[in-house]
Amino acid sequence: MVTVDASYPSVQMFIRERMITDDGVFAVFPTSSYEISKGVLCAYFALTTLSFMMIDFSFLYRMWALKYSSLIYLFSAPVFLGFLSLIVVTECIVWFAAIYWFYLPTESGRLRLREYALHEYGVDTISQPMFMGDYFLDDGSINKLPAIGLGMLSAVLMICIGFMVYALCVIIHALRTAELSSNSSIRLQKQLVVTLCLQTLVPLVSLYIPCGVTIFFPLIGLNARLITRASPILISCFLPLDLLATLITMTDYRREIIRVMMLGCPKLPSSASINPPGHSFTMTTLA
């Protein structure tokens, strides 16, 4: 998952995407000095959904570790890992398709955004590759394509969030009723769950909420200029915030990092206590 997290700011440096909303329309376009096609731009935004999928898998692992420990072996089974990979690919394809084929730029939308985009970013929206949400036609009727696209994106996120909520409820119940071997085991399991929850909040705050506000507000006639201006900064902060969540909540992991920084000689861990949740599926299960 570290690779996935690091890919966002890395690709962002290359694409330099910008989001704008004005006059009931939103658009996302690249400002890179390189020639970025709409397909590359949409693929980048499809990539951003990987975080939620990986977090879902982490919730699944933690839920099984506490409630259904006999199933943990599946995370080492090639067939099951292939099934998880198929889910990821399918989800990315759905997200890409929703953006690429349903958020089509309109001529009137390009004209309405042109003045603002030229003033803020020096970009001429008439010719710039982009995807756009122009939810209302010139006669005031609903533009069906972006409305369908919004429904597809919302459905994907609701499925991901719904599973997280379900898994979290099962995990909390399992922690309350579990008979773990020691207080340290209970403490570790609670730290893993808290860290996982914080790692869920990080992409929500830095990725999904800004994007969601930008996409949804034009539908109800609102602009979100403050959010759109902050979005590139929030995406850039995604990786350090994700790592900071682990350092803050995982005591043993934090102590090991500090010891390595001070002494410069890492020590091989004897258990999963310093293995950050959400970054590996090979953590030792404490039961």
Protein backbone atom coordinates (compact mmCIF):
# COMPACT_ATOMS: atom_id res chain seq x y z
CA MET A 1 0.00 0.00 0.00
CA VAL A 2 2.97 2.31 0.51
CA THR A 3 3.60 2.10 -3.24
CA VAL A 4 -0.01 3.06 -3.94
CA ASP A 5 0.15 5.97 -1.51
CA ALA A 6 3.43 7.26 -2.94
CA SER A 7 2.11 7.08 -6.49
CA TYR A 8 -0.42 9.88 -5.96
CA PRO A 9 1.96 12.78 -5.25
CA SER A 10 4.50 11.32 -7.70
CA VAL A 11 2.06 11.22 -10.62
CA GLN A 12 0.61 14.54 -9.53
CA MET A 13 4.01 16.17 -10.01
CA PHE A 14 3.92 14.97 -13.62
CA ILE A 15 0.27 15.75 -14.45
CA ARG A 16 -0.27 18.81 -12.22
CA GLU A 17 -4.04 18.47 -12.39
CA ARG A 18 -6.29 21.35 -11.38
CA MET A 19 -9.97 21.35 -10.46
CA ILE A 20 -12.21 24.35 -11.05
CA THR A 21 -15.87 25.09 -10.49
CA ASP A 22 -17.76 28.07 -11.82
CA ASP A 23 -21.27 28.85 -12.99
CA GLY A 24 -22.64 25.42 -12.10
CA VAL A 25 -19.88 23.48 -13.89
CA PHE A 26 -16.79 21.64 -12.70
CA ALA A 27 -13.81 20.54 -14.74
CA VAL A 28 -10.48 18.82 -14.14
CA PHE A 29 -7.57 19.41 -16.51
CA PRO A 30 -3.77 19.05 -16.55
CA THR A 31 -1.45 22.05 -16.36
CA SER A 32 1.72 20.07 -17.06
CA SER A 33 4.27 21.25 -19.61
CA TYR A 34 3.94 17.76 -21.11
CA GLU A 35 1.08 16.78 -23.36
CA ILE A 36 -1.41 14.94 -21.14
CA SER A 37 -4.37 13.26 -22.82
CA LYS A 38 -7.80 12.89 -21.30
CA GLY A 39 -7.21 9.14 -21.03
CA VAL A 40 -4.08 9.63 -18.91
CA LEU A 41 -5.91 12.15 -16.72
CA CYS A 42 -8.83 9.77 -16.17
CA ALA A 43 -6.46 6.87 -15.47
CA TYR A 44 -4.78 8.98 -12.78
CA PHE A 45 -8.10 9.63 -11.06
CA ALA A 46 -9.04 5.96 -11.37
CA LEU A 47 -5.76 5.20 -9.60
CA THR A 48 -6.85 7.29 -6.62
CA THR A 49 -9.58 4.78 -5.83
CA LEU A 50 -7.00 2.11 -5.02
CA SER A 51 -6.56 3.50 -1.51
CA PHE A 52 -10.11 2.67 -0.50
CA MET A 53 -9.87 -0.80 -2.00
CA MET A 54 -6.62 -1.51 -0.13
CA ILE A 55 -8.15 -0.19 3.09
CA ASP A 56 -11.17 -2.44 2.53
CA PHE A 57 -8.81 -5.41 2.27
CA SER A 58 -7.06 -4.30 5.46
CA PHE A 59 -10.41 -4.16 7.26
CA LEU A 60 -11.19 -7.60 5.91
CA TYR A 61 -7.89 -8.95 7.20
CA ARG A 62 -8.33 -7.38 10.63
CA MET A 63 -11.94 -8.64 10.85
CA TRP A 64 -10.90 -12.17 9.96
CA ALA A 65 -7.91 -12.03 12.33
CA LEU A 66 -10.20 -11.27 15.26
CA LYS A 67 -13.43 -13.05 14.31
CA TYR A 68 -12.68 -15.69 11.69
CA SER A 69 -9.04 -16.61 12.23
CA SER A 70 -9.44 -19.87 10.30
CA LEU A 71 -9.81 -17.84 7.10
CA ILE A 72 -6.56 -15.88 7.44
CA TYR A 73 -4.67 -18.43 5.36
CA LEU A 74 -6.60 -17.21 2.29
CA PHE A 75 -4.45 -14.08 2.19
CA SER A 76 -1.56 -16.38 1.25
CA ALA A 77 -3.58 -18.34 -1.32
CA PRO A 78 -2.86 -17.34 -4.95
CA VAL A 79 -6.47 -17.91 -6.03
CA PHE A 80 -7.86 -15.61 -3.35
CA LEU A 81 -5.23 -12.96 -4.03
CA GLY A 82 -6.11 -13.21 -7.70
CA PHE A 83 -9.78 -12.69 -6.78
CA LEU A 84 -8.88 -9.56 -4.80
CA SER A 85 -6.82 -8.32 -7.74
CA LEU A 86 -9.80 -8.87 -10.04
CA ILE A 87 -11.96 -6.75 -7.73
CA VAL A 88 -9.37 -3.96 -7.83
CA VAL A 89 -9.12 -4.05 -11.63
CA THR A 90 -12.92 -4.08 -12.02
CA GLU A 91 -13.33 -1.15 -9.66
CA CYS A 92 -10.67 0.89 -11.49
CA ILE A 93 -12.30 0.13 -14.85
CA VAL A 94 -15.71 1.26 -13.56
CA TRP A 95 -14.22 4.46 -12.14
CA PHE A 96 -12.29 5.16 -15.36
CA ALA A 97 -15.34 4.49 -17.53
CA ALA A 98 -17.55 6.77 -15.42
CA ILE A 99 -15.10 9.65 -15.80
CA TYR A 100 -14.03 9.10 -19.40
CA TRP A 101 -17.38 8.38 -21.07
CA PHE A 102 -19.88 10.18 -18.85
CA TYR A 103 -18.09 13.37 -17.85
CA LEU A 104 -17.82 14.77 -21.36
CA PRO A 105 -16.91 18.44 -21.86
CA THR A 106 -19.64 20.56 -23.41
CA GLU A 107 -19.09 23.62 -25.55
CA SER A 108 -21.19 25.80 -23.25
CA GLY A 109 -19.33 24.48 -20.22
CA ARG A 110 -15.96 25.25 -21.79
CA LEU A 111 -17.11 28.81 -22.48
CA ARG A 112 -18.44 29.33 -18.96
CA LEU A 113 -15.18 28.16 -17.38
CA ARG A 114 -12.85 29.91 -19.83
CA GLU A 115 -12.52 33.28 -18.12
CA TYR A 116 -11.94 31.81 -14.67
CA ALA A 117 -9.44 29.20 -15.91
CA LEU A 118 -7.46 31.81 -17.86
CA HIS A 119 -7.35 34.11 -14.85
CA GLU A 120 -6.37 31.46 -12.32
CA TYR A 121 -4.15 29.08 -14.31
CA GLY A 122 -3.59 30.61 -17.74
CA VAL A 123 -5.39 27.65 -19.33
CA ASP A 124 -7.76 28.00 -22.27
CA THR A 125 -10.59 25.58 -21.60
CA ILE A 126 -11.70 25.73 -25.24
CA SER A 127 -8.88 23.44 -26.33
CA GLN A 128 -7.56 21.89 -23.09
CA PRO A 129 -8.05 18.11 -22.53
CA MET A 130 -10.35 17.65 -19.53
CA PHE A 131 -13.30 15.88 -18.07
CA MET A 132 -16.24 18.03 -17.06
CA GLY A 133 -19.46 17.86 -15.12
CA ASP A 134 -22.00 20.12 -16.82
CA TYR A 135 -25.13 18.78 -15.16
CA PHE A 136 -27.65 21.11 -16.82
CA LEU A 137 -28.27 21.69 -20.51
CA ASP A 138 -28.90 25.12 -22.00
CA ASP A 139 -32.68 24.63 -21.68
CA GLY A 140 -32.33 23.87 -17.95
CA SER A 141 -32.94 20.13 -18.22
CA ILE A 142 -30.68 17.55 -16.59
CA ASN A 143 -27.69 16.37 -18.61
CA LYS A 144 -28.10 12.62 -18.18
CA LEU A 145 -24.51 11.51 -18.87
CA PRO A 146 -22.75 13.26 -15.96
CA ALA A 147 -25.70 12.41 -13.70
CA ILE A 148 -25.20 8.72 -14.52
CA GLY A 149 -21.45 9.13 -13.98
CA LEU A 150 -22.08 10.66 -10.57
CA GLY A 151 -24.28 7.72 -9.69
CA MET A 152 -21.57 5.24 -10.70
CA LEU A 153 -18.88 7.01 -8.68
CA SER A 154 -21.16 7.31 -5.66
CA ALA A 155 -22.09 3.62 -5.86
CA VAL A 156 -18.44 2.55 -5.81
CA LEU A 157 -17.65 4.74 -2.81
CA MET A 158 -20.78 3.67 -0.93
CA ILE A 159 -19.88 0.01 -1.39
CA CYS A 160 -16.35 0.62 -0.09
CA ILE A 161 -17.50 2.73 2.85
CA GLY A 162 -20.36 0.36 3.65
CA PHE A 163 -18.00 -2.59 3.92
CA MET A 164 -15.64 -0.58 6.16
CA VAL A 165 -18.49 0.27 8.51
CA TYR A 166 -19.66 -3.34 8.61
CA ALA A 167 -16.15 -4.68 9.23
CA LEU A 168 -15.50 -2.06 11.92
CA CYS A 169 -18.68 -3.07 13.78
CA VAL A 170 -17.61 -6.72 13.67
CA ILE A 171 -14.09 -5.80 14.83
CA ILE A 172 -15.36 -3.71 17.76
CA HIS A 173 -17.69 -6.50 18.84
CA ALA A 174 -14.88 -9.05 18.54
CA LEU A 175 -12.56 -6.91 20.66
CA ARG A 176 -15.19 -6.61 23.37
CA THR A 177 -15.84 -10.33 23.53
CA ALA A 178 -12.42 -11.76 22.63
CA GLU A 179 -10.36 -13.62 25.22
CA LEU A 180 -6.87 -12.63 24.23
CA SER A 181 -3.82 -14.10 25.89
CA SER A 182 -2.58 -10.91 27.56
CA ASN A 183 -3.19 -7.21 28.06
CA SER A 184 -0.41 -6.47 25.58
CA SER A 185 -2.31 -8.46 22.93
CA ILE A 186 -5.45 -6.45 23.58
CA ARG A 187 -3.47 -3.20 23.45
CA LEU A 188 -1.84 -4.16 20.17
CA GLN A 189 -5.12 -5.14 18.53
CA LYS A 190 -6.71 -1.85 19.60
CA GLN A 191 -3.74 0.10 18.24
CA LEU A 192 -4.02 -1.72 14.91
CA VAL A 193 -7.73 -0.88 14.65
CA VAL A 194 -7.22 2.78 15.60
CA THR A 195 -4.39 3.11 13.09
CA LEU A 196 -6.53 1.53 10.40
CA CYS A 197 -9.33 4.01 11.13
CA LEU A 198 -6.92 6.94 10.93
CA GLN A 199 -5.52 5.62 7.67
CA THR A 200 -9.09 5.60 6.39
CA LEU A 201 -9.63 9.23 7.40
CA VAL A 202 -6.47 10.40 5.60
CA PRO A 203 -7.66 9.62 2.04
CA LEU A 204 -11.15 10.79 2.97
CA VAL A 205 -9.85 14.23 3.96
CA SER A 206 -7.10 14.61 1.37
CA LEU A 207 -8.67 12.89 -1.66
CA TYR A 208 -12.31 11.88 -1.59
CA ILE A 209 -13.99 14.75 0.24
CA PRO A 210 -12.33 17.48 -1.91
CA CYS A 211 -13.11 15.55 -5.10
CA GLY A 212 -16.63 14.76 -3.91
CA VAL A 213 -17.36 18.40 -3.07
CA THR A 214 -15.98 19.53 -6.44
CA ILE A 215 -18.09 16.99 -8.33
CA PHE A 216 -21.33 17.33 -6.35
CA PHE A 217 -21.60 21.06 -5.57
CA PRO A 218 -22.28 22.16 -9.19
CA LEU A 219 -25.27 19.80 -9.23
CA ILE A 220 -26.92 21.88 -6.50
CA GLY A 221 -25.77 25.20 -7.95
CA LEU A 222 -22.83 25.82 -5.62
CA ASN A 223 -19.18 26.54 -6.37
CA ALA A 224 -16.33 25.12 -4.33
CA ARG A 225 -13.43 27.35 -5.30
CA LEU A 226 -11.76 27.19 -1.90
CA ILE A 227 -11.76 23.39 -1.96
CA THR A 228 -10.57 23.20 -5.56
CA ARG A 229 -7.64 25.50 -4.79
CA ALA A 230 -6.66 23.41 -1.77
CA SER A 231 -7.01 20.03 -3.52
CA PRO A 232 -3.47 19.85 -5.01
CA ILE A 233 -1.98 20.65 -1.59
CA LEU A 234 -4.15 18.07 0.15
CA ILE A 235 -3.19 15.37 -2.36
CA SER A 236 0.50 16.23 -1.88
CA CYS A 237 0.07 15.81 1.88
CA PHE A 238 -1.57 12.40 1.50
CA LEU A 239 1.54 10.24 1.91
CA PRO A 240 3.11 12.05 4.91
CA LEU A 241 -0.26 12.18 6.68
CA ASP A 242 -0.76 8.47 6.10
CA LEU A 243 2.63 7.64 7.59
CA LEU A 244 2.09 10.10 10.44
CA ALA A 245 -1.10 8.27 11.41
CA THR A 246 0.92 5.09 11.87
CA LEU A 247 3.65 6.82 13.88
CA ILE A 248 1.14 8.49 16.20
CA THR A 249 -0.95 5.42 17.00
CA MET A 250 1.50 2.49 16.89
CA THR A 251 3.71 2.80 19.98
CA ASP A 252 6.11 -0.03 19.15
CA TYR A 253 6.43 1.08 15.53
CA ARG A 254 7.15 4.67 16.63
CA ARG A 255 9.75 3.54 19.16
CA GLU A 256 11.48 1.38 16.56
CA ILE A 257 11.60 4.24 14.04
CA ILE A 258 13.04 6.59 16.67
CA ARG A 259 15.59 3.99 17.73
CA VAL A 260 16.71 3.42 14.14
CA MET A 261 17.00 7.16 13.51
CA MET A 262 19.08 7.64 16.65
CA LEU A 263 21.26 4.54 16.43
CA GLY A 264 21.18 3.80 12.72
CA CYS A 265 21.02 0.05 13.28
CA PRO A 266 17.62 -1.53 12.65
CA LYS A 267 16.65 -4.58 14.64
CA LEU A 268 14.59 -7.34 13.09
CA PRO A 269 11.11 -7.34 14.67
CA SER A 270 10.12 -10.45 16.59
CA SER A 271 6.38 -9.97 16.01
CA ALA A 272 3.88 -7.98 13.99
CA SER A 273 3.80 -5.23 16.61
CA ILE A 274 5.77 -2.85 14.42
CA ASN A 275 4.10 -3.86 11.17
CA PRO A 276 1.79 -0.99 10.16
CA PRO A 277 -1.77 -2.05 9.40
CA GLY A 278 -2.89 -1.56 5.85
CA HIS A 279 0.65 -1.98 4.53
CA SER A 280 1.00 -5.74 4.66
CA PHE A 281 -1.15 -8.84 4.65
CA THR A 282 1.49 -10.97 6.38
CA MET A 283 1.03 -9.70 9.93
CA THR A 284 1.15 -12.28 12.67
CA THR A 285 -2.28 -12.82 14.15
CA LEU A 286 -2.49 -12.44 17.90
CA ALA A 287 -5.36 -14.38 19.36
